C-alpha cells in the first residue's frame, strides 16, 4: 500500500472516530420520551442497554428496508405476481443478488488493483456500491415484472369483459359466466380462478372480485369490477352493463396503445438521430473534404 493510500485510510478512520465522539457528547444527547416517563412506570424486564440496542437495530432495519423496498411495498408487488410468495423469499433473493454484485465488484477491483490504478479505499467503496446495486437491481426487476403483468392483465380485460357480456346475455349467472371465462388462458383468467377459489371457500363473490381488483392495482379492472358490483347490488340489467363495460375497456385499451405508440415513435428517433443521420452527413461531407485536401 502506498503512503498516500495509508494516510488517506488513517485520516478516514480518525475523522469517523471524531464524529462518533462528538455524537456521544452528553450535551448533544437529548432524553427520549421513554427515558423521561420510565421512572414513573414499572421497571422493564429488559435491561436498558438491550432495549437501546434493539431500538437501534430496528431503526437500522427500517432504514435498509426503506432503501431496498419497504415490506409493505414488496408485499403489494408480490401480491400482483403471486400472493403465495413470502417477503422473506424476496429478501433472500435480494441478498443473493447483493452478494453477486459484491463478487463482481471485487473481481473488477482486484483486476484494477493489480494495475495500480485504484486505492484500497476506492476498492472498498466500489465493493459496497456493487453490493447495494445488486440489491437495488433485484428490487427494480421485481417492479418491472409487476408492471409487465399489470399490462398483460389490462390487455386481457376487454376480451374477458366481452365474454362475460355474451355469457350473461345467453342466460348464465355471474358466477357461472366467471367460471366459463376463468377456464380460458391469460393472466386475468389466473386471477379470476383465484377469486373463484375464494368464493368456493365461503367468501362472497363481490368481496372476492373487489379484493382481486385492489390486489392487482389496475385502474381499468377496478372500474370494471365497480360497475359489476353496482349492477349486482342495484339489480340493473347485467348484460347491458357488461356490454358498456366491455366498450369502455376497449376504449381504454385503444388509448393505451396510442400512448404506447407515441412513446415508441420517440424511441425510434434515437437511432435515427444518433446513428443514421451522422453517418449520412459523414458520407455527404467526406468526399468534399477529401477533394479539398487533395487540391491543397
C-alpha atoms as a PDB file:
ATOM      1  CA  UNK A   1       0.000   0.000   0.000  1.00  0.00           C
ATOM      2  CA  UNK A   2       1.360   3.400  -0.931  1.00  0.00           C
ATOM      3  CA  UNK A   3       1.977   6.099   1.731  1.00  0.00           C
ATOM      4  CA  UNK A   4      -0.762   8.276   0.241  1.00  0.00           C
ATOM      5  CA  UNK A   5      -3.329   5.474   0.498  1.00  0.00           C
ATOM      6  CA  UNK A   6      -2.229   4.707   4.065  1.00  0.00           C
ATOM      7  CA  UNK A   7      -2.545   8.351   5.048  1.00  0.00           C
ATOM      8  CA  UNK A   8      -5.988   8.604   3.453  1.00  0.00           C
ATOM      9  CA  UNK A   9      -7.199   5.476   5.289  1.00  0.00           C
ATOM     10  CA  UNK A  10      -5.859   6.707   8.643  1.00  0.00           C
ATOM     11  CA  UNK A  11      -7.428  10.106   8.068  1.00  0.00           C
ATOM     12  CA  UNK A  12     -10.783   8.490   7.272  1.00  0.00           C
ATOM     13  CA  UNK A  13     -10.664   6.368  10.422  1.00  0.00           C
ATOM     14  CA  UNK A  14      -9.644   9.368  12.520  1.00  0.00           C
ATOM     15  CA  UNK A  15     -12.456  11.511  11.108  1.00  0.00           C
ATOM     16  CA  UNK A  16     -15.019   8.767  11.761  1.00  0.00           C
ATOM     17  CA  UNK A  17     -13.767   8.463  15.350  1.00  0.00           C
ATOM     18  CA  UNK A  18     -14.082  12.221  15.901  1.00  0.00           C
ATOM     19  CA  UNK A  19     -17.631  12.198  14.539  1.00  0.00           C
ATOM     20  CA  UNK A  20     -18.595   9.340  16.859  1.00  0.00           C
ATOM     21  CA  UNK A  21     -17.073  11.133  19.832  1.00  0.00           C
ATOM     22  CA  UNK A  22     -18.964  14.338  19.024  1.00  0.00           C
ATOM     23  CA  UNK A  23     -22.224  12.425  18.660  1.00  0.00           C
ATOM     24  CA  UNK A  24     -21.689  10.805  22.044  1.00  0.00           C
ATOM     25  CA  UNK A  25     -21.113  14.055  23.956  1.00  0.00           C
ATOM     26  CA  UNK A  26     -23.739  14.307  26.772  1.00  0.00           C
ATOM     27  CA  UNK A  27     -24.598  17.885  25.804  1.00  0.00           C
ATOM     28  CA  UNK A  28     -25.759  16.688  22.381  1.00  0.00           C
ATOM     29  CA  UNK A  29     -27.889  13.817  23.698  1.00  0.00           C
ATOM     30  CA  UNK A  30     -31.483  14.753  24.450  1.00  0.00           C
ATOM     31  CA  UNK A  31     -33.502  12.406  26.668  1.00  0.00           C
ATOM     32  CA  UNK A  32     -36.170  10.439  24.844  1.00  0.00           C
ATOM     33  CA  UNK A  33     -39.805  10.257  25.891  1.00  0.00           C
ATOM     34  CA  UNK A  34     -39.314   6.727  27.153  1.00  0.00           C
ATOM     35  CA  UNK A  35     -36.407   7.715  29.405  1.00  0.00           C
ATOM     36  CA  UNK A  36     -38.418  10.602  30.874  1.00  0.00           C
ATOM     37  CA  UNK A  37     -41.520   8.506  31.557  1.00  0.00           C
ATOM     38  CA  UNK A  38     -39.753   5.286  32.611  1.00  0.00           C
ATOM     39  CA  UNK A  39     -39.027   6.340  36.270  1.00  0.00           C
ATOM     40  CA  UNK A  40     -42.746   6.775  36.871  1.00  0.00           C
ATOM     41  CA  UNK A  41     -43.665   3.375  35.450  1.00  0.00           C
ATOM     42  CA  UNK A  42     -42.853  -0.209  36.346  1.00  0.00           C
ATOM     43  CA  UNK A  43     -39.243  -1.132  35.697  1.00  0.00           C
ATOM     44  CA  UNK A  44     -38.982  -3.016  32.419  1.00  0.00           C
ATOM     45  CA  UNK A  45     -37.734  -6.566  32.472  1.00  0.00           C
ATOM     46  CA  UNK A  46     -35.259  -5.940  29.663  1.00  0.00           C
ATOM     47  CA  UNK A  47     -32.082  -4.023  30.641  1.00  0.00           C
ATOM     48  CA  UNK A  48     -31.692  -0.550  29.278  1.00  0.00           C
ATOM     49  CA  UNK A  49     -28.738  -1.323  27.019  1.00  0.00           C
ATOM     50  CA  UNK A  50     -30.556  -4.234  25.439  1.00  0.00           C
ATOM     51  CA  UNK A  51     -33.644  -2.133  24.772  1.00  0.00           C
ATOM     52  CA  UNK A  52     -31.495   0.639  23.275  1.00  0.00           C
ATOM     53  CA  UNK A  53     -29.650  -1.864  21.077  1.00  0.00           C
ATOM     54  CA  UNK A  54     -32.966  -3.329  19.954  1.00  0.00           C
ATOM     55  CA  UNK A  55     -34.315   0.086  19.031  1.00  0.00           C
ATOM     56  CA  UNK A  56     -31.195   0.947  17.087  1.00  0.00           C
ATOM     57  CA  UNK A  57     -31.289  -2.400  15.293  1.00  0.00           C
ATOM     58  CA  UNK A  58     -34.950  -1.903  14.365  1.00  0.00           C
ATOM     59  CA  UNK A  59     -34.182   1.620  13.138  1.00  0.00           C
ATOM     60  CA  UNK A  60     -31.322   0.293  11.004  1.00  0.00           C
ATOM     61  CA  UNK A  61     -33.553  -2.455   9.591  1.00  0.00           C
ATOM     62  CA  UNK A  62     -36.290   0.088   8.790  1.00  0.00           C
ATOM     63  CA  UNK A  63     -33.753   2.348   7.080  1.00  0.00           C
ATOM     64  CA  UNK A  64     -32.429  -0.526   4.965  1.00  0.00           C
ATOM     65  CA  UNK A  65     -35.997  -1.561   4.157  1.00  0.00           C
ATOM     66  CA  UNK A  66     -36.839   1.954   3.001  1.00  0.00           C
ATOM     67  CA  UNK A  67     -33.856   1.897   0.633  1.00  0.00           C
ATOM     68  CA  UNK A  68     -34.308  -1.669  -0.618  1.00  0.00           C
ATOM     69  CA  UNK A  69     -38.131  -1.547  -0.695  1.00  0.00           C
ATOM     70  CA  UNK A  70     -40.308  -1.436   2.409  1.00  0.00           C
ATOM     71  CA  UNK A  71     -42.095  -4.659   3.427  1.00  0.00           C
ATOM     72  CA  UNK A  72     -45.474  -3.120   2.580  1.00  0.00           C
ATOM     73  CA  UNK A  73     -44.332  -2.171  -0.934  1.00  0.00           C
ATOM     74  CA  UNK A  74     -42.726  -5.579  -1.506  1.00  0.00           C
ATOM     75  CA  UNK A  75     -45.847  -7.333  -0.226  1.00  0.00           C
ATOM     76  CA  UNK A  76     -48.048  -5.334  -2.608  1.00  0.00           C
ATOM     77  CA  UNK A  77     -45.780  -6.153  -5.554  1.00  0.00           C
ATOM     78  CA  UNK A  78     -45.641  -9.837  -4.687  1.00  0.00           C
ATOM     79  CA  UNK A  79     -49.442  -9.914  -4.430  1.00  0.00           C
ATOM     80  CA  UNK A  80     -49.623  -8.788  -8.051  1.00  0.00           C
ATOM     81  CA  UNK A  81     -47.296 -11.583  -9.207  1.00  0.00           C
ATOM     82  CA  UNK A  82     -48.077 -14.413  -6.791  1.00  0.00           C
ATOM     83  CA  UNK A  83     -49.931 -13.948  -3.474  1.00  0.00           C
ATOM     84  CA  UNK A  84     -48.413 -17.191  -2.155  1.00  0.00           C
ATOM     85  CA  UNK A  85     -44.862 -15.815  -2.211  1.00  0.00           C
ATOM     86  CA  UNK A  86     -43.390 -14.522   1.019  1.00  0.00           C
ATOM     87  CA  UNK A  87     -41.478 -11.296   1.620  1.00  0.00           C
ATOM     88  CA  UNK A  88     -38.674 -13.305   3.235  1.00  0.00           C
ATOM     89  CA  UNK A  89     -38.157 -15.169  -0.038  1.00  0.00           C
ATOM     90  CA  UNK A  90     -37.725 -11.883  -1.886  1.00  0.00           C
ATOM     91  CA  UNK A  91     -35.292 -10.663   0.788  1.00  0.00           C
ATOM     92  CA  UNK A  92     -33.258 -13.854   0.366  1.00  0.00           C
ATOM     93  CA  UNK A  93     -33.115 -13.221  -3.383  1.00  0.00           C
ATOM     94  CA  UNK A  94     -32.005  -9.656  -2.704  1.00  0.00           C
ATOM     95  CA  UNK A  95     -29.194 -10.971  -0.500  1.00  0.00           C
ATOM     96  CA  UNK A  96     -28.068 -13.331  -3.265  1.00  0.00           C
ATOM     97  CA  UNK A  97     -28.144 -10.519  -5.829  1.00  0.00           C
ATOM     98  CA  UNK A  98     -26.214  -8.294  -3.411  1.00  0.00           C
ATOM     99  CA  UNK A  99     -23.576 -10.997  -2.951  1.00  0.00           C
ATOM    100  CA  UNK A 100     -23.369 -11.374  -6.720  1.00  0.00           C
ATOM    101  CA  UNK A 101     -22.878  -7.628  -7.132  1.00  0.00           C
ATOM    102  CA  UNK A 102     -20.230  -7.615  -4.403  1.00  0.00           C
ATOM    103  CA  UNK A 103     -18.417 -10.529  -6.049  1.00  0.00           C
ATOM    104  CA  UNK A 104     -18.428  -8.865  -9.465  1.00  0.00           C
ATOM    105  CA  UNK A 105     -17.206  -5.593  -7.965  1.00  0.00           C
ATOM    106  CA  UNK A 106     -14.479  -7.424  -6.011  1.00  0.00           C
ATOM    107  CA  UNK A 107     -13.215  -9.181  -9.132  1.00  0.00           C
ATOM    108  CA  UNK A 108     -13.158  -5.914 -11.061  1.00  0.00           C
ATOM    109  CA  UNK A 109     -11.387  -4.141  -8.192  1.00  0.00           C
ATOM    110  CA  UNK A 110      -8.788  -6.911  -7.953  1.00  0.00           C
ATOM    111  CA  UNK A 111      -8.015  -6.524 -11.655  1.00  0.00           C
ATOM    112  CA  UNK A 112      -7.723  -2.754 -11.326  1.00  0.00           C
ATOM    113  CA  UNK A 113      -5.647  -3.001  -8.125  1.00  0.00           C
ATOM    114  CA  UNK A 114      -3.132  -5.259  -9.831  1.00  0.00           C
ATOM    115  CA  UNK A 115      -2.557  -2.493 -12.344  1.00  0.00           C
ATOM    116  CA  UNK A 116      -2.152   0.051  -9.551  1.00  0.00           C
ATOM    117  CA  UNK A 117      -4.959   2.313 -10.794  1.00  0.00           C
ATOM    118  CA  UNK A 118      -7.148   2.109  -7.661  1.00  0.00           C
ATOM    119  CA  UNK A 119      -6.588   2.712  -3.968  1.00  0.00           C
ATOM    120  CA  UNK A 120      -7.844   0.267  -1.280  1.00  0.00           C
ATOM    121  CA  UNK A 121     -10.333   2.858  -0.033  1.00  0.00           C
ATOM    122  CA  UNK A 122     -11.741   3.240  -3.519  1.00  0.00           C
ATOM    123  CA  UNK A 123     -11.894  -0.535  -3.905  1.00  0.00           C
ATOM    124  CA  UNK A 124     -13.850  -0.841  -0.653  1.00  0.00           C
ATOM    125  CA  UNK A 125     -16.271   1.862  -1.757  1.00  0.00           C
ATOM    126  CA  UNK A 126     -16.669   0.144  -5.118  1.00  0.00           C
ATOM    127  CA  UNK A 127     -17.485  -3.194  -3.450  1.00  0.00           C
ATOM    128  CA  UNK A 128     -20.053  -1.526  -1.183  1.00  0.00           C
ATOM    129  CA  UNK A 129     -21.604   0.172  -4.204  1.00  0.00           C
ATOM    130  CA  UNK A 130     -21.756  -3.177  -6.014  1.00  0.00           C
ATOM    131  CA  UNK A 131     -23.479  -4.790  -3.028  1.00  0.00           C
ATOM    132  CA  UNK A 132     -26.123  -2.080  -2.766  1.00  0.00           C
ATOM    133  CA  UNK A 133     -26.505  -2.006  -6.536  1.00  0.00           C
ATOM    134  CA  UNK A 134     -27.190  -5.752  -6.661  1.00  0.00           C
ATOM    135  CA  UNK A 135     -29.942  -5.471  -4.045  1.00  0.00           C
ATOM    136  CA  UNK A 136     -31.487  -2.471  -5.781  1.00  0.00           C
ATOM    137  CA  UNK A 137     -31.310  -4.254  -9.128  1.00  0.00           C
ATOM    138  CA  UNK A 138     -33.370  -7.156  -7.726  1.00  0.00           C
ATOM    139  CA  UNK A 139     -35.986  -4.685  -6.463  1.00  0.00           C
ATOM    140  CA  UNK A 140     -36.033  -2.978  -9.868  1.00  0.00           C
ATOM    141  CA  UNK A 141     -36.503  -6.365 -11.567  1.00  0.00           C
ATOM    142  CA  UNK A 142     -39.477  -7.065  -9.287  1.00  0.00           C
ATOM    143  CA  UNK A 143     -41.032  -3.682 -10.096  1.00  0.00           C
ATOM    144  CA  UNK A 144     -40.551  -4.310 -13.824  1.00  0.00           C
ATOM    145  CA  UNK A 145     -42.208  -7.731 -13.557  1.00  0.00           C
ATOM    146  CA  UNK A 146     -45.161  -6.121 -11.769  1.00  0.00           C
ATOM    147  CA  UNK A 147     -45.558  -3.501 -14.498  1.00  0.00           C
ATOM    148  CA  UNK A 148     -45.403  -6.194 -17.179  1.00  0.00           C
ATOM    149  CA  UNK A 149     -48.066  -8.329 -15.500  1.00  0.00           C
ATOM    150  CA  UNK A 150     -50.367  -5.358 -14.968  1.00  0.00           C
ATOM    151  CA  UNK A 151     -50.037  -4.526 -18.657  1.00  0.00           C
ATOM    152  CA  UNK A 152     -50.948  -8.114 -19.568  1.00  0.00           C
ATOM    153  CA  UNK A 153     -53.980  -8.014 -17.271  1.00  0.00           C
ATOM    154  CA  UNK A 154     -55.082  -4.740 -18.849  1.00  0.00           C
ATOM    155  CA  UNK A 155     -54.709  -6.283 -22.320  1.00  0.00           C
ATOM    156  CA  UNK A 156     -56.886  -9.273 -21.333  1.00  0.00           C
ATOM    157  CA  UNK A 157     -59.638  -7.160 -19.790  1.00  0.00           C
ATOM    158  CA  UNK A 158     -61.569  -6.209 -22.999  1.00  0.00           C
ATOM    159  CA  UNK A 159     -61.820  -9.832 -24.160  1.00  0.00           C
ATOM    160  CA  UNK A 160     -62.861 -11.012 -20.691  1.00  0.00           C
ATOM    161  CA  UNK A 161     -65.499  -8.277 -20.460  1.00  0.00           C
ATOM    162  CA  UNK A 162     -66.956  -9.205 -23.841  1.00  0.00           C
ATOM    163  CA  UNK A 163     -67.047 -12.915 -22.981  1.00  0.00           C
ATOM    164  CA  UNK A 164     -68.790 -12.124 -19.709  1.00  0.00           C
ATOM    165  CA  UNK A 165     -71.341  -9.973 -21.543  1.00  0.00           C
ATOM    166  CA  UNK A 166     -72.018 -12.788 -24.028  1.00  0.00           C
ATOM    167  CA  UNK A 167     -72.337 -15.412 -21.292  1.00  0.00           C
ATOM    168  CA  UNK A 168     -74.672 -13.299 -19.155  1.00  0.00           C
ATOM    169  CA  UNK A 169     -76.690 -12.312 -22.225  1.00  0.00           C
ATOM    170  CA  UNK A 170     -77.106 -16.033 -23.007  1.00  0.00           C
ATOM    171  CA  UNK A 171     -78.811 -16.551 -19.638  1.00  0.00           C
ATOM    172  CA  UNK A 172     -75.966 -17.642 -17.336  1.00  0.00           C
ATOM    173  CA  UNK A 173     -75.439 -16.204 -13.888  1.00  0.00           C
ATOM    174  CA  UNK A 174     -72.452 -14.092 -12.900  1.00  0.00           C
ATOM    175  CA  UNK A 175     -70.659 -16.923 -11.090  1.00  0.00           C
ATOM    176  CA  UNK A 176     -71.196 -19.371 -13.959  1.00  0.00           C
ATOM    177  CA  UNK A 177     -70.067 -16.781 -16.509  1.00  0.00           C
ATOM    178  CA  UNK A 178     -66.938 -16.072 -14.479  1.00  0.00           C
ATOM    179  CA  UNK A 179     -66.159 -19.794 -14.266  1.00  0.00           C
ATOM    180  CA  UNK A 180     -66.525 -20.097 -18.029  1.00  0.00           C
ATOM    181  CA  UNK A 181     -64.207 -17.141 -18.642  1.00  0.00           C
ATOM    182  CA  UNK A 182     -61.697 -18.260 -15.998  1.00  0.00           C
ATOM    183  CA  UNK A 183     -61.338 -21.621 -17.741  1.00  0.00           C
ATOM    184  CA  UNK A 184     -59.522 -19.893 -20.597  1.00  0.00           C
ATOM    185  CA  UNK A 185     -55.980 -18.642 -20.833  1.00  0.00           C
ATOM    186  CA  UNK A 186     -54.430 -15.298 -19.973  1.00  0.00           C
ATOM    187  CA  UNK A 187     -53.158 -13.543 -16.881  1.00  0.00           C
ATOM    188  CA  UNK A 188     -56.565 -12.210 -15.871  1.00  0.00           C
ATOM    189  CA  UNK A 189     -58.053 -15.704 -16.050  1.00  0.00           C
ATOM    190  CA  UNK A 190     -55.499 -16.855 -13.465  1.00  0.00           C
ATOM    191  CA  UNK A 191     -56.641 -14.176 -11.022  1.00  0.00           C
ATOM    192  CA  UNK A 192     -60.286 -14.964 -11.732  1.00  0.00           C
ATOM    193  CA  UNK A 193     -59.619 -18.604 -10.850  1.00  0.00           C
ATOM    194  CA  UNK A 194     -58.089 -17.483  -7.564  1.00  0.00           C
ATOM    195  CA  UNK A 195     -61.117 -15.301  -6.835  1.00  0.00           C
ATOM    196  CA  UNK A 196     -63.499 -18.183  -7.609  1.00  0.00           C
ATOM    197  CA  UNK A 197     -61.449 -20.458  -5.349  1.00  0.00           C
ATOM    198  CA  UNK A 198     -62.033 -17.969  -2.522  1.00  0.00           C
ATOM    199  CA  UNK A 199     -65.722 -17.947  -3.385  1.00  0.00           C
ATOM    200  CA  UNK A 200     -65.709 -21.727  -3.064  1.00  0.00           C
ATOM    201  CA  UNK A 201     -64.360 -21.406   0.488  1.00  0.00           C
ATOM    202  CA  UNK A 202     -67.214 -19.116   1.553  1.00  0.00           C
ATOM    203  CA  UNK A 203     -66.109 -15.617   0.518  1.00  0.00           C
ATOM    204  CA  UNK A 204     -68.864 -13.547  -1.155  1.00  0.00           C
ATOM    205  CA  UNK A 205     -68.391 -13.082  -4.892  1.00  0.00           C
ATOM    206  CA  UNK A 206     -68.461  -9.286  -4.698  1.00  0.00           C
ATOM    207  CA  UNK A 207     -65.843  -9.254  -1.953  1.00  0.00           C
ATOM    208  CA  UNK A 208     -63.582 -11.680  -3.839  1.00  0.00           C
ATOM    209  CA  UNK A 209     -63.741  -9.631  -7.050  1.00  0.00           C
ATOM    210  CA  UNK A 210     -63.106  -6.362  -5.198  1.00  0.00           C
ATOM    211  CA  UNK A 211     -60.127  -7.866  -3.377  1.00  0.00           C
ATOM    212  CA  UNK A 212     -58.709  -9.116  -6.694  1.00  0.00           C
ATOM    213  CA  UNK A 213     -59.028  -5.674  -8.288  1.00  0.00           C
ATOM    214  CA  UNK A 214     -57.421  -3.997  -5.265  1.00  0.00           C
ATOM    215  CA  UNK A 215     -54.589  -6.524  -5.216  1.00  0.00           C
ATOM    216  CA  UNK A 216     -53.728  -6.100  -8.901  1.00  0.00           C
ATOM    217  CA  UNK A 217     -53.944  -2.306  -8.837  1.00  0.00           C
ATOM    218  CA  UNK A 218     -55.130  -1.964 -12.457  1.00  0.00           C
ATOM    219  CA  UNK A 219     -57.363   1.093 -12.823  1.00  0.00           C
ATOM    220  CA  UNK A 220     -59.410  -0.300 -15.723  1.00  0.00           C
ATOM    221  CA  UNK A 221     -60.067  -3.534 -13.845  1.00  0.00           C
ATOM    222  CA  UNK A 222     -61.104  -1.558 -10.771  1.00  0.00           C
ATOM    223  CA  UNK A 223     -63.666   0.408 -12.786  1.00  0.00           C
ATOM    224  CA  UNK A 224     -64.970  -2.786 -14.369  1.00  0.00           C
ATOM    225  CA  UNK A 225     -65.418  -4.515 -11.001  1.00  0.00           C
ATOM    226  CA  UNK A 226     -67.053  -1.409  -9.503  1.00  0.00           C
ATOM    227  CA  UNK A 227     -69.577  -1.324 -12.353  1.00  0.00           C
ATOM    228  CA  UNK A 228     -70.246  -5.044 -11.967  1.00  0.00           C
ATOM    229  CA  UNK A 229     -70.722  -4.712  -8.195  1.00  0.00           C
ATOM    230  CA  UNK A 230     -73.110  -1.776  -8.593  1.00  0.00           C
ATOM    231  CA  UNK A 231     -75.132  -3.691 -11.194  1.00  0.00           C
ATOM    232  CA  UNK A 232     -75.378  -6.755  -8.948  1.00  0.00           C
ATOM    233  CA  UNK A 233     -76.332  -4.759  -5.848  1.00  0.00           C
ATOM    234  CA  UNK A 234     -78.878  -2.460  -7.533  1.00  0.00           C
ATOM    235  CA  UNK A 235     -80.423  -5.076  -9.815  1.00  0.00           C
ATOM    236  CA  UNK A 236     -79.579  -3.264 -13.053  1.00  0.00           C
ATOM    237  CA  UNK A 237     -79.670  -5.177 -16.365  1.00  0.00           C
ATOM    238  CA  UNK A 238     -76.385  -7.012 -16.053  1.00  0.00           C
ATOM    239  CA  UNK A 239     -75.908  -7.819 -19.755  1.00  0.00           C
ATOM    240  CA  UNK A 240     -76.256  -4.159 -20.773  1.00  0.00           C
ATOM    241  CA  UNK A 241     -73.881  -3.084 -18.009  1.00  0.00           C
ATOM    242  CA  UNK A 242     -71.295  -5.666 -19.055  1.00  0.00           C
ATOM    243  CA  UNK A 243     -71.538  -4.617 -22.710  1.00  0.00           C
ATOM    244  CA  UNK A 244     -70.985  -0.987 -21.694  1.00  0.00           C
ATOM    245  CA  UNK A 245     -68.047  -2.038 -19.504  1.00  0.00           C
ATOM    246  CA  UNK A 246     -66.578  -4.024 -22.400  1.00  0.00           C
ATOM    247  CA  UNK A 247     -66.851  -0.978 -24.671  1.00  0.00           C
ATOM    248  CA  UNK A 248     -65.124   1.155 -22.026  1.00  0.00           C
ATOM    249  CA  UNK A 249     -62.374  -1.456 -21.668  1.00  0.00           C
ATOM    250  CA  UNK A 250     -61.848  -1.477 -25.441  1.00  0.00           C
ATOM    251  CA  UNK A 251     -61.624   2.314 -25.471  1.00  0.00           C
ATOM    252  CA  UNK A 252     -59.142   2.297 -22.589  1.00  0.00           C
ATOM    253  CA  UNK A 253     -57.036  -0.317 -24.393  1.00  0.00           C
ATOM    254  CA  UNK A 254     -57.119   1.794 -27.575  1.00  0.00           C
ATOM    255  CA  UNK A 255     -55.905   4.858 -25.665  1.00  0.00           C
ATOM    256  CA  UNK A 256     -53.152   2.803 -24.045  1.00  0.00           C
ATOM    257  CA  UNK A 257     -51.984   1.512 -27.415  1.00  0.00           C
ATOM    258  CA  UNK A 258     -51.956   5.035 -28.860  1.00  0.00           C
ATOM    259  CA  UNK A 259     -49.874   6.275 -25.923  1.00  0.00           C
ATOM    260  CA  UNK A 260     -47.512   3.319 -26.257  1.00  0.00           C
ATOM    261  CA  UNK A 261     -47.197   4.008 -29.985  1.00  0.00           C
ATOM    262  CA  UNK A 262     -46.306   7.631 -29.267  1.00  0.00           C
ATOM    263  CA  UNK A 263     -43.601   6.566 -26.842  1.00  0.00           C
ATOM    264  CA  UNK A 264     -42.224   4.038 -29.325  1.00  0.00           C
ATOM    265  CA  UNK A 265     -42.037   6.722 -32.021  1.00  0.00           C
ATOM    266  CA  UNK A 266     -39.878   8.858 -29.747  1.00  0.00           C
ATOM    267  CA  UNK A 267     -37.628   5.865 -29.024  1.00  0.00           C
ATOM    268  CA  UNK A 268     -37.286   5.164 -32.738  1.00  0.00           C
ATOM    269  CA  UNK A 269     -35.871   8.664 -33.243  1.00  0.00           C
ATOM    270  CA  UNK A 270     -32.855   7.857 -31.060  1.00  0.00           C
ATOM    271  CA  UNK A 271     -31.071   5.520 -33.536  1.00  0.00           C
ATOM    272  CA  UNK A 272     -32.099   7.763 -36.436  1.00  0.00           C
ATOM    273  CA  UNK A 273     -30.728  10.956 -34.862  1.00  0.00           C
ATOM    274  CA  UNK A 274     -27.620   9.470 -33.256  1.00  0.00           C
ATOM    275  CA  UNK A 275     -26.843   6.716 -35.779  1.00  0.00           C
ATOM    276  CA  UNK A 276     -28.251   7.119 -39.278  1.00  0.00           C
ATOM    277  CA  UNK A 277     -28.110  10.920 -39.505  1.00  0.00           C
ATOM    278  CA  UNK A 278     -24.408  11.317 -38.510  1.00  0.00           C
ATOM    279  CA  UNK A 279     -23.418   8.558 -40.972  1.00  0.00           C
ATOM    280  CA  UNK A 280     -25.413  10.231 -43.746  1.00  0.00           C
ATOM    281  CA  UNK A 281     -23.810  13.592 -43.040  1.00  0.00           C
ATOM    282  CA  UNK A 282     -20.387  11.965 -42.945  1.00  0.00           C
ATOM    283  CA  UNK A 283     -20.895  10.312 -46.344  1.00  0.00           C
ATOM    284  CA  UNK A 284     -22.118  13.623 -47.788  1.00  0.00           C
ATOM    285  CA  UNK A 285     -19.304  15.782 -46.384  1.00  0.00           C
ATOM    286  CA  UNK A 286     -16.312  13.417 -46.555  1.00  0.00           C
ATOM    287  CA  UNK A 287     -15.878  13.412 -50.389  1.00  0.00           C
ATOM    288  CA  UNK A 288     -15.816  17.217 -50.444  1.00  0.00           C
ATOM    289  CA  UNK A 289     -13.247  17.322 -47.626  1.00  0.00           C
ATOM    290  CA  UNK A 290     -11.146  14.738 -49.452  1.00  0.00           C
ATOM    291  CA  UNK A 291     -11.215  16.815 -52.651  1.00  0.00           C
ATOM    292  CA  UNK A 292     -10.231  19.963 -50.742  1.00  0.00           C
ATOM    293  CA  UNK A 293      -7.324  18.155 -49.108  1.00  0.00           C
ATOM    294  CA  UNK A 294      -6.132  16.775 -52.465  1.00  0.00           C
ATOM    295  CA  UNK A 295      -6.461  20.180 -54.137  1.00  0.00           C
ATOM    296  CA  UNK A 296      -4.388  21.854 -51.454  1.00  0.00           C
END
